[in-house]
C-alpha atoms as a PDB file:
ATOM      1  CA  UNK A   1       0.186   0.158   0.118  1.00  0.00           C
ATOM      2  CA  UNK A   2       2.822   2.514   0.919  1.00  0.00           C
ATOM      3  CA  UNK A   3       4.115   2.086  -2.761  1.00  0.00           C
ATOM      4  CA  UNK A   4       0.731   3.759  -3.863  1.00  0.00           C
ATOM      5  CA  UNK A   5       0.746   6.551  -1.131  1.00  0.00           C
ATOM      6  CA  UNK A   6       3.153   9.376  -0.551  1.00  0.00           C
ATOM      7  CA  UNK A   7       4.521   9.846   3.131  1.00  0.00           C
ATOM      8  CA  UNK A   8       3.789  13.087   5.002  1.00  0.00           C
ATOM      9  CA  UNK A   9       7.175  14.403   4.395  1.00  0.00           C
ATOM     10  CA  UNK A  10       6.606  14.008   0.603  1.00  0.00           C
ATOM     11  CA  UNK A  11       3.352  15.819   0.984  1.00  0.00           C
ATOM     12  CA  UNK A  12       4.844  18.444   3.071  1.00  0.00           C
ATOM     13  CA  UNK A  13       7.550  19.140   0.210  1.00  0.00           C
ATOM     14  CA  UNK A  14       5.094  19.204  -2.653  1.00  0.00           C
ATOM     15  CA  UNK A  15       2.107  20.960  -0.872  1.00  0.00           C
ATOM     16  CA  UNK A  16       3.828  23.750   0.783  1.00  0.00           C
ATOM     17  CA  UNK A  17       2.390  22.666   4.214  1.00  0.00           C
ATOM     18  CA  UNK A  18       4.740  21.934   7.184  1.00  0.00           C
ATOM     19  CA  UNK A  19       4.699  18.432   8.653  1.00  0.00           C
ATOM     20  CA  UNK A  20       3.208  19.886  11.921  1.00  0.00           C
ATOM     21  CA  UNK A  21       0.647  21.646   9.925  1.00  0.00           C
ATOM     22  CA  UNK A  22      -0.319  18.490   8.317  1.00  0.00           C
ATOM     23  CA  UNK A  23      -0.626  16.812  11.684  1.00  0.00           C
ATOM     24  CA  UNK A  24      -2.862  19.761  12.927  1.00  0.00           C
ATOM     25  CA  UNK A  25      -5.182  19.520  10.020  1.00  0.00           C
ATOM     26  CA  UNK A  26      -5.498  15.720  10.319  1.00  0.00           C
ATOM     27  CA  UNK A  27      -6.467  16.252  14.087  1.00  0.00           C
ATOM     28  CA  UNK A  28      -8.844  18.882  12.882  1.00  0.00           C
ATOM     29  CA  UNK A  29     -10.463  16.675  10.402  1.00  0.00           C
ATOM     30  CA  UNK A  30      -9.608  19.086   7.390  1.00  0.00           C
ATOM     31  CA  UNK A  31      -7.099  16.965   5.610  1.00  0.00           C
ATOM     32  CA  UNK A  32      -7.122  13.284   6.806  1.00  0.00           C
ATOM     33  CA  UNK A  33      -4.618  10.918   5.627  1.00  0.00           C
ATOM     34  CA  UNK A  34      -5.651   8.090   3.432  1.00  0.00           C
ATOM     35  CA  UNK A  35      -3.944   5.631   5.582  1.00  0.00           C
ATOM     36  CA  UNK A  36      -1.909   5.553   8.998  1.00  0.00           C
ATOM     37  CA  UNK A  37       0.296   2.848   9.919  1.00  0.00           C
ATOM     38  CA  UNK A  38      -1.229   1.225  12.863  1.00  0.00           C
ATOM     39  CA  UNK A  39       1.993   0.476  14.340  1.00  0.00           C
ATOM     40  CA  UNK A  40       4.177   3.485  13.873  1.00  0.00           C
ATOM     41  CA  UNK A  41       1.431   5.970  13.491  1.00  0.00           C
ATOM     42  CA  UNK A  42       2.944   7.234  10.364  1.00  0.00           C
ATOM     43  CA  UNK A  43       0.605   9.145   7.865  1.00  0.00           C
ATOM     44  CA  UNK A  44       0.227   8.365   4.250  1.00  0.00           C
ATOM     45  CA  UNK A  45      -1.558  10.421   1.763  1.00  0.00           C
ATOM     46  CA  UNK A  46      -3.281   9.406  -1.481  1.00  0.00           C
ATOM     47  CA  UNK A  47      -1.893  10.972  -4.741  1.00  0.00           C
ATOM     48  CA  UNK A  48      -5.254  12.653  -5.231  1.00  0.00           C
ATOM     49  CA  UNK A  49      -4.809  14.516  -1.874  1.00  0.00           C
ATOM     50  CA  UNK A  50      -1.962  16.611  -3.223  1.00  0.00           C
ATOM     51  CA  UNK A  51      -4.196  19.227  -5.116  1.00  0.00           C
ATOM     52  CA  UNK A  52      -6.200  19.492  -1.928  1.00  0.00           C
ATOM     53  CA  UNK A  53      -3.344  20.082   0.097  1.00  0.00           C
ATOM     54  CA  UNK A  54      -2.164  22.828  -2.057  1.00  0.00           C
ATOM     55  CA  UNK A  55      -5.536  24.624  -2.118  1.00  0.00           C
ATOM     56  CA  UNK A  56      -5.307  24.314   1.841  1.00  0.00           C
ATOM     57  CA  UNK A  57      -1.851  25.736   1.877  1.00  0.00           C
ATOM     58  CA  UNK A  58      -3.201  28.801  -0.129  1.00  0.00           C
ATOM     59  CA  UNK A  59      -6.126  29.285   2.314  1.00  0.00           C
ATOM     60  CA  UNK A  60      -3.754  28.924   5.120  1.00  0.00           C
ATOM     61  CA  UNK A  61      -1.365  31.702   3.780  1.00  0.00           C
ATOM     62  CA  UNK A  62      -4.696  33.878   3.258  1.00  0.00           C
ATOM     63  CA  UNK A  63      -5.472  33.653   6.598  1.00  0.00           C
ATOM     64  CA  UNK A  64      -8.860  32.053   6.296  1.00  0.00           C
ATOM     65  CA  UNK A  65     -10.432  30.875   9.576  1.00  0.00           C
ATOM     66  CA  UNK A  66     -10.220  27.125  10.245  1.00  0.00           C
ATOM     67  CA  UNK A  67     -14.302  26.583  10.094  1.00  0.00           C
ATOM     68  CA  UNK A  68     -14.244  28.357   6.663  1.00  0.00           C
ATOM     69  CA  UNK A  69     -11.301  26.137   5.620  1.00  0.00           C
ATOM     70  CA  UNK A  70     -13.167  23.089   6.329  1.00  0.00           C
ATOM     71  CA  UNK A  71     -16.180  24.120   4.428  1.00  0.00           C
ATOM     72  CA  UNK A  72     -14.251  25.362   1.265  1.00  0.00           C
ATOM     73  CA  UNK A  73     -12.350  21.897   1.078  1.00  0.00           C
ATOM     74  CA  UNK A  74     -15.393  20.121   1.610  1.00  0.00           C
ATOM     75  CA  UNK A  75     -17.165  21.791  -1.420  1.00  0.00           C
ATOM     76  CA  UNK A  76     -14.092  22.267  -3.643  1.00  0.00           C
ATOM     77  CA  UNK A  77     -14.521  19.089  -5.826  1.00  0.00           C
ATOM     78  CA  UNK A  78     -18.333  19.600  -5.938  1.00  0.00           C
ATOM     79  CA  UNK A  79     -20.111  20.443  -9.139  1.00  0.00           C
ATOM     80  CA  UNK A  80     -21.483  23.442  -7.739  1.00  0.00           C
ATOM     81  CA  UNK A  81     -18.958  26.133  -6.764  1.00  0.00           C
ATOM     82  CA  UNK A  82     -21.137  28.687  -5.631  1.00  0.00           C
ATOM     83  CA  UNK A  83     -20.728  28.115  -1.900  1.00  0.00           C
ATOM     84  CA  UNK A  84     -16.767  28.167  -2.458  1.00  0.00           C
ATOM     85  CA  UNK A  85     -17.106  31.474  -4.206  1.00  0.00           C
ATOM     86  CA  UNK A  86     -19.209  33.053  -1.412  1.00  0.00           C
ATOM     87  CA  UNK A  87     -16.688  31.538   1.288  1.00  0.00           C
ATOM     88  CA  UNK A  88     -13.703  33.192  -0.787  1.00  0.00           C
ATOM     89  CA  UNK A  89     -15.430  36.448  -1.162  1.00  0.00           C
ATOM     90  CA  UNK A  90     -16.523  36.634   2.426  1.00  0.00           C
ATOM     91  CA  UNK A  91     -13.103  36.321   3.637  1.00  0.00           C
ATOM     92  CA  UNK A  92     -11.599  38.759   1.101  1.00  0.00           C
ATOM     93  CA  UNK A  93     -14.172  41.356   2.502  1.00  0.00           C
ATOM     94  CA  UNK A  94     -13.109  40.459   6.020  1.00  0.00           C
ATOM     95  CA  UNK A  95      -9.381  41.009   5.255  1.00  0.00           C
ATOM     96  CA  UNK A  96     -10.276  44.459   3.477  1.00  0.00           C
ATOM     97  CA  UNK A  97     -12.168  45.497   6.525  1.00  0.00           C
ATOM     98  CA  UNK A  98      -9.229  44.458   8.669  1.00  0.00           C
ATOM     99  CA  UNK A  99      -6.811  46.235   6.553  1.00  0.00           C
ATOM    100  CA  UNK A 100      -8.894  49.484   6.787  1.00  0.00           C
ATOM    101  CA  UNK A 101      -9.369  49.128  10.470  1.00  0.00           C
ATOM    102  CA  UNK A 102      -5.530  48.452  10.788  1.00  0.00           C
ATOM    103  CA  UNK A 103      -4.899  51.689   8.768  1.00  0.00           C
ATOM    104  CA  UNK A 104      -6.936  53.637  10.983  1.00  0.00           C
ATOM    105  CA  UNK A 105      -5.207  52.411  14.130  1.00  0.00           C
ATOM    106  CA  UNK A 106      -1.646  53.221  12.758  1.00  0.00           C
ATOM    107  CA  UNK A 107      -2.860  56.580  11.802  1.00  0.00           C
ATOM    108  CA  UNK A 108      -3.885  57.293  15.253  1.00  0.00           C
ATOM    109  CA  UNK A 109      -0.621  55.806  16.651  1.00  0.00           C
ATOM    110  CA  UNK A 110       1.326  57.826  14.322  1.00  0.00           C
ATOM    111  CA  UNK A 111      -0.374  60.986  15.314  1.00  0.00           C
ATOM    112  CA  UNK A 112       0.213  59.997  19.102  1.00  0.00           C
ATOM    113  CA  UNK A 113       4.070  59.649  18.206  1.00  0.00           C
ATOM    114  CA  UNK A 114       4.023  63.158  16.569  1.00  0.00           C
ATOM    115  CA  UNK A 115       2.352  64.596  19.496  1.00  0.00           C
ATOM    116  CA  UNK A 116       4.847  62.872  22.029  1.00  0.00           C
ATOM    117  CA  UNK A 117       7.828  63.953  19.866  1.00  0.00           C
ATOM    118  CA  UNK A 118       6.578  67.483  19.709  1.00  0.00           C
ATOM    119  CA  UNK A 119       5.976  67.771  23.411  1.00  0.00           C
ATOM    120  CA  UNK A 120       9.201  66.094  24.775  1.00  0.00           C
ATOM    121  CA  UNK A 121      12.287  68.018  25.392  1.00  0.00           C
ATOM    122  CA  UNK A 122      15.244  67.297  23.359  1.00  0.00           C
ATOM    123  CA  UNK A 123      17.069  64.373  24.834  1.00  0.00           C
ATOM    124  CA  UNK A 124      20.594  65.160  26.166  1.00  0.00           C
ATOM    125  CA  UNK A 125      23.412  63.435  23.854  1.00  0.00           C
ATOM    126  CA  UNK A 126      24.909  61.044  26.207  1.00  0.00           C
ATOM    127  CA  UNK A 127      28.529  61.814  27.109  1.00  0.00           C
ATOM    128  CA  UNK A 128      30.738  59.240  28.804  1.00  0.00           C
ATOM    129  CA  UNK A 129      34.476  58.211  29.135  1.00  0.00           C
ATOM    130  CA  UNK A 130      35.303  54.741  30.624  1.00  0.00           C
ATOM    131  CA  UNK A 131      37.890  52.023  30.677  1.00  0.00           C
ATOM    132  CA  UNK A 132      37.273  48.505  30.187  1.00  0.00           C
ATOM    133  CA  UNK A 133      39.256  45.191  30.225  1.00  0.00           C
ATOM    134  CA  UNK A 134      39.923  44.100  26.556  1.00  0.00           C
ATOM    135  CA  UNK A 135      38.994  40.553  27.381  1.00  0.00           C
ATOM    136  CA  UNK A 136      35.838  41.276  28.982  1.00  0.00           C
ATOM    137  CA  UNK A 137      34.846  43.708  26.073  1.00  0.00           C
ATOM    138  CA  UNK A 138      35.851  41.044  23.730  1.00  0.00           C
ATOM    139  CA  UNK A 139      33.852  38.245  25.373  1.00  0.00           C
ATOM    140  CA  UNK A 140      30.660  40.492  25.888  1.00  0.00           C
ATOM    141  CA  UNK A 141      30.760  41.413  22.173  1.00  0.00           C
ATOM    142  CA  UNK A 142      31.174  37.628  21.155  1.00  0.00           C
ATOM    143  CA  UNK A 143      28.207  36.771  23.235  1.00  0.00           C
ATOM    144  CA  UNK A 144      25.787  39.054  21.510  1.00  0.00           C
ATOM    145  CA  UNK A 145      27.252  39.556  17.996  1.00  0.00           C
ATOM    146  CA  UNK A 146      25.126  36.655  16.375  1.00  0.00           C
ATOM    147  CA  UNK A 147      21.781  38.421  17.411  1.00  0.00           C
ATOM    148  CA  UNK A 148      22.279  41.532  15.445  1.00  0.00           C
ATOM    149  CA  UNK A 149      19.700  42.236  12.838  1.00  0.00           C
ATOM    150  CA  UNK A 150      20.044  42.430   9.137  1.00  0.00           C
ATOM    151  CA  UNK A 151      16.541  43.717   8.083  1.00  0.00           C
ATOM    152  CA  UNK A 152      17.089  46.973   6.033  1.00  0.00           C
ATOM    153  CA  UNK A 153      13.562  47.967   7.308  1.00  0.00           C
ATOM    154  CA  UNK A 154      14.734  47.924  10.697  1.00  0.00           C
ATOM    155  CA  UNK A 155      18.198  49.525  10.593  1.00  0.00           C
ATOM    156  CA  UNK A 156      18.239  50.374  14.420  1.00  0.00           C
ATOM    157  CA  UNK A 157      18.261  46.366  15.095  1.00  0.00           C
ATOM    158  CA  UNK A 158      21.523  46.530  12.835  1.00  0.00           C
ATOM    159  CA  UNK A 159      23.698  47.322  15.848  1.00  0.00           C
ATOM    160  CA  UNK A 160      24.612  46.785  19.249  1.00  0.00           C
ATOM    161  CA  UNK A 161      23.017  48.695  22.237  1.00  0.00           C
ATOM    162  CA  UNK A 162      25.899  50.008  24.735  1.00  0.00           C
ATOM    163  CA  UNK A 163      24.066  50.675  27.852  1.00  0.00           C
ATOM    164  CA  UNK A 164      26.423  52.248  30.338  1.00  0.00           C
ATOM    165  CA  UNK A 165      25.185  52.692  33.846  1.00  0.00           C
ATOM    166  CA  UNK A 166      27.247  52.974  37.166  1.00  0.00           C
ATOM    167  CA  UNK A 167      30.146  50.337  36.955  1.00  0.00           C
ATOM    168  CA  UNK A 168      28.436  48.257  34.244  1.00  0.00           C
ATOM    169  CA  UNK A 169      28.408  48.072  30.682  1.00  0.00           C
ATOM    170  CA  UNK A 170      25.649  46.071  29.118  1.00  0.00           C
ATOM    171  CA  UNK A 171      25.732  45.142  25.373  1.00  0.00           C
ATOM    172  CA  UNK A 172      22.472  44.018  23.779  1.00  0.00           C
ATOM    173  CA  UNK A 173      21.535  42.817  20.424  1.00  0.00           C
ATOM    174  CA  UNK A 174      18.178  41.685  18.910  1.00  0.00           C
ATOM    175  CA  UNK A 175      16.687  40.699  15.501  1.00  0.00           C
ATOM    176  CA  UNK A 176      13.360  40.373  16.931  1.00  0.00           C
ATOM    177  CA  UNK A 177      13.465  36.535  16.857  1.00  0.00           C
ATOM    178  CA  UNK A 178      16.534  36.331  19.484  1.00  0.00           C
ATOM    179  CA  UNK A 179      18.007  38.582  21.996  1.00  0.00           C
ATOM    180  CA  UNK A 180      21.303  38.435  23.511  1.00  0.00           C
ATOM    181  CA  UNK A 181      22.787  40.267  26.603  1.00  0.00           C
ATOM    182  CA  UNK A 182      26.185  40.341  28.084  1.00  0.00           C
ATOM    183  CA  UNK A 183      28.149  42.889  30.654  1.00  0.00           C
ATOM    184  CA  UNK A 184      31.536  44.048  31.380  1.00  0.00           C
ATOM    185  CA  UNK A 185      32.841  45.989  34.512  1.00  0.00           C
ATOM    186  CA  UNK A 186      33.828  49.597  33.860  1.00  0.00           C
ATOM    187  CA  UNK A 187      36.102  51.947  35.377  1.00  0.00           C
ATOM    188  CA  UNK A 188      36.384  55.797  35.156  1.00  0.00           C
ATOM    189  CA  UNK A 189      32.857  56.301  34.547  1.00  0.00           C
ATOM    190  CA  UNK A 190      30.824  59.106  36.480  1.00  0.00           C
ATOM    191  CA  UNK A 191      27.705  56.785  37.047  1.00  0.00           C
ATOM    192  CA  UNK A 192      25.336  58.688  34.854  1.00  0.00           C
ATOM    193  CA  UNK A 193      23.486  56.521  32.290  1.00  0.00           C
ATOM    194  CA  UNK A 194      24.528  56.805  28.805  1.00  0.00           C
ATOM    195  CA  UNK A 195      22.929  54.525  25.845  1.00  0.00           C
ATOM    196  CA  UNK A 196      24.259  54.534  22.125  1.00  0.00           C
ATOM    197  CA  UNK A 197      23.561  52.010  19.343  1.00  0.00           C
ATOM    198  CA  UNK A 198      26.748  51.055  17.677  1.00  0.00           C
ATOM    199  CA  UNK A 199      26.471  49.839  13.967  1.00  0.00           C
ATOM    200  CA  UNK A 200      27.668  46.434  13.358  1.00  0.00           C
ATOM    201  CA  UNK A 201      30.683  47.111  11.267  1.00  0.00           C
ATOM    202  CA  UNK A 202      31.964  49.574  14.101  1.00  0.00           C
ATOM    203  CA  UNK A 203      31.153  46.711  16.744  1.00  0.00           C
ATOM    204  CA  UNK A 204      33.544  44.338  14.683  1.00  0.00           C
ATOM    205  CA  UNK A 205      36.286  46.950  14.255  1.00  0.00           C
ATOM    206  CA  UNK A 206      35.994  47.319  18.302  1.00  0.00           C
ATOM    207  CA  UNK A 207      36.098  43.563  18.881  1.00  0.00           C
ATOM    208  CA  UNK A 208      39.357  43.326  16.518  1.00  0.00           C
ATOM    209  CA  UNK A 209      41.250  46.056  18.720  1.00  0.00           C
ATOM    210  CA  UNK A 210      40.136  44.231  21.804  1.00  0.00           C
ATOM    211  CA  UNK A 211      41.808  40.988  21.027  1.00  0.00           C
ATOM    212  CA  UNK A 212      44.425  41.158  23.615  1.00  0.00           C
ATOM    213  CA  UNK A 213      45.357  41.718  27.385  1.00  0.00           C
ATOM    214  CA  UNK A 214      45.243  45.122  29.090  1.00  0.00           C
ATOM    215  CA  UNK A 215      42.387  47.681  29.184  1.00  0.00           C
ATOM    216  CA  UNK A 216      40.719  49.677  26.218  1.00  0.00           C
ATOM    217  CA  UNK A 217      39.269  53.192  26.473  1.00  0.00           C
ATOM    218  CA  UNK A 218      35.723  54.087  25.276  1.00  0.00           C
ATOM    219  CA  UNK A 219      34.496  57.636  24.646  1.00  0.00           C
ATOM    220  CA  UNK A 220      30.784  58.486  24.023  1.00  0.00           C
ATOM    221  CA  UNK A 221      29.767  62.034  22.866  1.00  0.00           C
ATOM    222  CA  UNK A 222      28.083  63.780  20.041  1.00  0.00           C
ATOM    223  CA  UNK A 223      26.650  60.844  18.607  1.00  0.00           C
ATOM    224  CA  UNK A 224      30.011  59.150  18.014  1.00  0.00           C
ATOM    225  CA  UNK A 225      31.897  56.134  19.741  1.00  0.00           C
ATOM    226  CA  UNK A 226      35.504  55.969  19.914  1.00  0.00           C
ATOM    227  CA  UNK A 227      37.701  53.122  21.110  1.00  0.00           C
ATOM    228  CA  UNK A 228      41.340  53.378  21.902  1.00  0.00           C
ATOM    229  CA  UNK A 229      43.573  50.212  22.526  1.00  0.00           C
ATOM    230  CA  UNK A 230      47.557  50.110  22.423  1.00  0.00           C
ATOM    231  CA  UNK A 231      47.652  53.200  20.322  1.00  0.00           C
ATOM    232  CA  UNK A 232      45.175  52.261  17.725  1.00  0.00           C
ATOM    233  CA  UNK A 233      41.689  53.497  17.369  1.00  0.00           C
ATOM    234  CA  UNK A 234      38.134  52.658  16.032  1.00  0.00           C
ATOM    235  CA  UNK A 235      35.608  55.361  15.627  1.00  0.00           C
ATOM    236  CA  UNK A 236      32.223  55.977  14.095  1.00  0.00           C
ATOM    237  CA  UNK A 237      28.862  57.523  14.201  1.00  0.00           C
ATOM    238  CA  UNK A 238      26.288  55.612  16.253  1.00  0.00           C
ATOM    239  CA  UNK A 239      22.931  54.801  14.819  1.00  0.00           C
ATOM    240  CA  UNK A 240      20.151  57.308  15.153  1.00  0.00           C
ATOM    241  CA  UNK A 241      16.942  55.921  16.776  1.00  0.00           C
ATOM    242  CA  UNK A 242      15.442  54.389  19.752  1.00  0.00           C
ATOM    243  CA  UNK A 243      16.618  50.675  20.684  1.00  0.00           C
ATOM    244  CA  UNK A 244      13.709  48.638  22.281  1.00  0.00           C
ATOM    245  CA  UNK A 245      13.798  48.387  25.995  1.00  0.00           C
ATOM    246  CA  UNK A 246      15.446  44.984  26.372  1.00  0.00           C
ATOM    247  CA  UNK A 247      14.468  44.936  30.128  1.00  0.00           C
ATOM    248  CA  UNK A 248      10.661  44.431  29.167  1.00  0.00           C
ATOM    249  CA  UNK A 249      11.601  41.595  26.840  1.00  0.00           C
ATOM    250  CA  UNK A 250      13.358  39.305  29.484  1.00  0.00           C
ATOM    251  CA  UNK A 251      11.668  36.198  30.361  1.00  0.00           C
ATOM    252  CA  UNK A 252       9.889  35.701  33.588  1.00  0.00           C
ATOM    253  CA  UNK A 253      11.356  33.292  36.175  1.00  0.00           C
ATOM    254  CA  UNK A 254      10.017  29.993  36.742  1.00  0.00           C
ATOM    255  CA  UNK A 255      10.900  28.106  33.654  1.00  0.00           C
ATOM    256  CA  UNK A 256      12.201  24.426  33.764  1.00  0.00           C
ATOM    257  CA  UNK A 257      15.917  24.386  33.747  1.00  0.00           C
ATOM    258  CA  UNK A 258      18.326  21.892  32.432  1.00  0.00           C
ATOM    259  CA  UNK A 259      22.140  21.909  32.291  1.00  0.00           C
ATOM    260  CA  UNK A 260      23.416  20.634  28.957  1.00  0.00           C
ATOM    261  CA  UNK A 261      26.818  19.512  27.906  1.00  0.00           C
ATOM    262  CA  UNK A 262      27.406  21.664  24.765  1.00  0.00           C
ATOM    263  CA  UNK A 263      29.175  19.250  22.568  1.00  0.00           C
ATOM    264  CA  UNK A 264      26.872  16.398  23.088  1.00  0.00           C
ATOM    265  CA  UNK A 265      23.659  18.789  22.701  1.00  0.00           C
ATOM    266  CA  UNK A 266      25.165  20.295  19.364  1.00  0.00           C
ATOM    267  CA  UNK A 267      25.453  16.668  18.227  1.00  0.00           C
ATOM    268  CA  UNK A 268      21.926  15.888  19.245  1.00  0.00           C
ATOM    269  CA  UNK A 269      20.668  18.964  17.462  1.00  0.00           C
ATOM    270  CA  UNK A 270      22.772  18.352  14.290  1.00  0.00           C
ATOM    271  CA  UNK A 271      22.023  14.723  13.577  1.00  0.00           C
ATOM    272  CA  UNK A 272      18.697  14.192  15.510  1.00  0.00           C
ATOM    273  CA  UNK A 273      15.266  14.717  14.042  1.00  0.00           C
ATOM    274  CA  UNK A 274      13.920  17.987  12.741  1.00  0.00           C
ATOM    275  CA  UNK A 275      10.554  19.497  11.676  1.00  0.00           C
ATOM    276  CA  UNK A 276      10.432  20.913   8.264  1.00  0.00           C
ATOM    277  CA  UNK A 277       9.287  24.611   8.405  1.00  0.00           C
ATOM    278  CA  UNK A 278       6.668  26.095   6.302  1.00  0.00           C
ATOM    279  CA  UNK A 279       7.671  26.728   2.671  1.00  0.00           C
ATOM    280  CA  UNK A 280      11.126  28.153   2.600  1.00  0.00           C
ATOM    281  CA  UNK A 281      11.125  28.393   6.424  1.00  0.00           C
ATOM    282  CA  UNK A 282      13.858  27.344   8.850  1.00  0.00           C
ATOM    283  CA  UNK A 283      14.372  23.743  10.080  1.00  0.00           C
ATOM    284  CA  UNK A 284      12.799  23.428  13.690  1.00  0.00           C
ATOM    285  CA  UNK A 285      14.085  21.330  16.548  1.00  0.00           C
ATOM    286  CA  UNK A 286      11.448  20.443  19.208  1.00  0.00           C
ATOM    287  CA  UNK A 287      12.603  20.049  22.633  1.00  0.00           C
ATOM    288  CA  UNK A 288      11.223  18.750  26.008  1.00  0.00           C
ATOM    289  CA  UNK A 289      12.643  19.582  29.461  1.00  0.00           C
ATOM    290  CA  UNK A 290      11.606  17.137  32.154  1.00  0.00           C
ATOM    291  CA  UNK A 291      11.187  17.957  35.894  1.00  0.00           C
ATOM    292  CA  UNK A 292      14.531  16.211  36.532  1.00  0.00           C
ATOM    293  CA  UNK A 293      16.224  18.501  34.419  1.00  0.00           C
ATOM    294  CA  UNK A 294      17.055  16.769  31.304  1.00  0.00           C
ATOM    295  CA  UNK A 295      16.364  17.996  27.679  1.00  0.00           C
ATOM    296  CA  UNK A 296      15.743  15.954  24.879  1.00  0.00           C
ATOM    297  CA  UNK A 297      15.337  16.443  21.091  1.00  0.00           C
ATOM    298  CA  UNK A 298      11.859  15.137  20.110  1.00  0.00           C
ATOM    299  CA  UNK A 299      11.108  12.680  17.318  1.00  0.00           C
ATOM    300  CA  UNK A 300       8.976  13.845  14.399  1.00  0.00           C
ATOM    301  CA  UNK A 301       5.970  12.079  15.688  1.00  0.00           C
ATOM    302  CA  UNK A 302       6.235  12.849  19.401  1.00  0.00           C
ATOM    303  CA  UNK A 303       3.523  15.160  20.558  1.00  0.00           C
ATOM    304  CA  UNK A 304       4.842  15.527  24.008  1.00  0.00           C
ATOM    305  CA  UNK A 305       2.607  18.233  25.714  1.00  0.00           C
ATOM    306  CA  UNK A 306       5.390  20.431  27.100  1.00  0.00           C
ATOM    307  CA  UNK A 307       7.299  20.515  23.862  1.00  0.00           C
ATOM    308  CA  UNK A 308       8.754  23.615  22.574  1.00  0.00           C
ATOM    309  CA  UNK A 309       9.964  24.092  18.934  1.00  0.00           C
ATOM    310  CA  UNK A 310      12.778  26.454  18.072  1.00  0.00           C
ATOM    311  CA  UNK A 311      14.771  27.352  15.034  1.00  0.00           C
ATOM    312  CA  UNK A 312      17.555  24.887  14.922  1.00  0.00           C
ATOM    313  CA  UNK A 313      20.388  27.208  13.620  1.00  0.00           C
ATOM    314  CA  UNK A 314      19.296  29.895  15.849  1.00  0.00           C
ATOM    315  CA  UNK A 315      19.890  27.538  18.637  1.00  0.00           C
ATOM    316  CA  UNK A 316      23.116  26.354  17.441  1.00  0.00           C
ATOM    317  CA  UNK A 317      24.325  29.754  17.176  1.00  0.00           C
ATOM    318  CA  UNK A 318      23.217  30.695  20.848  1.00  0.00           C
ATOM    319  CA  UNK A 319      25.098  27.572  22.147  1.00  0.00           C
ATOM    320  CA  UNK A 320      28.521  28.798  20.430  1.00  0.00           C
ATOM    321  CA  UNK A 321      28.145  32.329  21.576  1.00  0.00           C
ATOM    322  CA  UNK A 322      27.569  30.899  25.048  1.00  0.00           C
ATOM    323  CA  UNK A 323      31.475  29.945  24.940  1.00  0.00           C
ATOM    324  CA  UNK A 324      30.962  27.564  27.775  1.00  0.00           C
ATOM    325  CA  UNK A 325      31.348  23.578  27.883  1.00  0.00           C
ATOM    326  CA  UNK A 326      28.105  23.478  30.005  1.00  0.00           C
ATOM    327  CA  UNK A 327      25.130  25.854  29.594  1.00  0.00           C
ATOM    328  CA  UNK A 328      21.806  26.240  31.263  1.00  0.00           C
ATOM    329  CA  UNK A 329      18.634  25.947  29.470  1.00  0.00           C
ATOM    330  CA  UNK A 330      15.454  27.483  30.384  1.00  0.00           C
ATOM    331  CA  UNK A 331      12.102  26.851  28.946  1.00  0.00           C
ATOM    332  CA  UNK A 332       8.806  28.210  30.167  1.00  0.00           C
ATOM    333  CA  UNK A 333       6.365  26.618  28.036  1.00  0.00           C
ATOM    334  CA  UNK A 334       5.556  26.102  24.349  1.00  0.00           C
ATOM    335  CA  UNK A 335       4.835  29.803  23.718  1.00  0.00           C
ATOM    336  CA  UNK A 336       7.338  31.303  25.962  1.00  0.00           C
ATOM    337  CA  UNK A 337      10.898  32.542  25.034  1.00  0.00           C
ATOM    338  CA  UNK A 338      13.772  29.905  25.670  1.00  0.00           C
ATOM    339  CA  UNK A 339      16.722  31.340  27.599  1.00  0.00           C
ATOM    340  CA  UNK A 340      20.417  30.018  27.288  1.00  0.00           C
ATOM    341  CA  UNK A 341      22.522  31.081  30.084  1.00  0.00           C
ATOM    342  CA  UNK A 342      25.916  30.712  31.371  1.00  0.00           C
ATOM    343  CA  UNK A 343      25.881  28.882  34.811  1.00  0.00           C
ATOM    344  CA  UNK A 344      28.740  30.971  36.099  1.00  0.00           C
ATOM    345  CA  UNK A 345      27.106  34.372  34.928  1.00  0.00           C
ATOM    346  CA  UNK A 346      23.455  34.476  34.467  1.00  0.00           C
ATOM    347  CA  UNK A 347      23.700  38.124  33.434  1.00  0.00           C
ATOM    348  CA  UNK A 348      25.095  36.911  30.313  1.00  0.00           C
ATOM    349  CA  UNK A 349      22.368  35.183  28.275  1.00  0.00           C
ATOM    350  CA  UNK A 350      20.438  34.770  24.947  1.00  0.00           C
ATOM    351  CA  UNK A 351      16.775  34.553  24.488  1.00  0.00           C
ATOM    352  CA  UNK A 352      15.205  32.610  21.435  1.00  0.00           C
ATOM    353  CA  UNK A 353      11.473  32.863  20.431  1.00  0.00           C
ATOM    354  CA  UNK A 354       9.695  29.816  20.068  1.00  0.00           C
ATOM    355  CA  UNK A 355       8.025  28.702  17.093  1.00  0.00           C
ATOM    356  CA  UNK A 356       4.240  27.607  17.163  1.00  0.00           C
ATOM    357  CA  UNK A 357       3.657  24.005  15.801  1.00  0.00           C
ATOM    358  CA  UNK A 358       0.062  24.273  15.507  1.00  0.00           C
ATOM    359  CA  UNK A 359      -2.396  27.026  14.551  1.00  0.00           C
END
């Protein structure tokens, strides 16, 4: 029988629906496999179901509600297409209304921003001079560099926030899907808070000059940042704009924690099962953290209730940036951010946003 059917992986590849989406629509009774192996539970689809799956993928991308998707597919192959046409038109009008409402809300938000900007006093350009141990600055930059954004529509995320307060320099980077924070101790700073966003090329130049012992000197002022080390200098303009308040993005305490041996965990991720993302999407690793503090990479058929999916490449990047043989993995739930912390310094960590496996 299997020779006449296509596997769930083949159906995912050819239809544009991910494996997790196909499982979801099976459970919802929308696209039920032609046969399910009673021993392995593996799903198999008839060749004729491919067209139906492609229609389903289009309806899903268009954001049609599940109830309407069910009716549309049930009527798709019938001789009378009137109901299908009405369902499509109803959803199109729903989208148009939603777009009009969204435009109205965004117009109001822009007006509020304009009023706020006009009534605020001009912000003082931060000025600061400080000294940092070169190895500490290098380690901090290494811990966050992987999370710098590359979206040209969001240029402020294409840099690293330098948040100087008291005797601490915190460096922060985020591309919306991941966030990394690290810190270094500073000397010769007067204690007033200063924040600047340093563009990625200047960050890389600063990192190159911090590759040694001794201390480096930082000077912030006039929208510029200058680093001096061993008679060499890296300087440039900082990015103009407001960086997100990273403190409100930090996960709440209380998630399940597991200590992982990084080398073994990397191997498990690289060689273990993955779930294919939606068309063009990234591969996902699905994890579970048990009460005993162990973490496992789930198989593709495992529907463990506490599982959480994450972009596998992002997780591998975070493990490398952690720069430790052992790291602490903290999982709060299927929709809560995943934190990767250093056991010896929980103030240096990265956060990954989970990926929903079901609608």
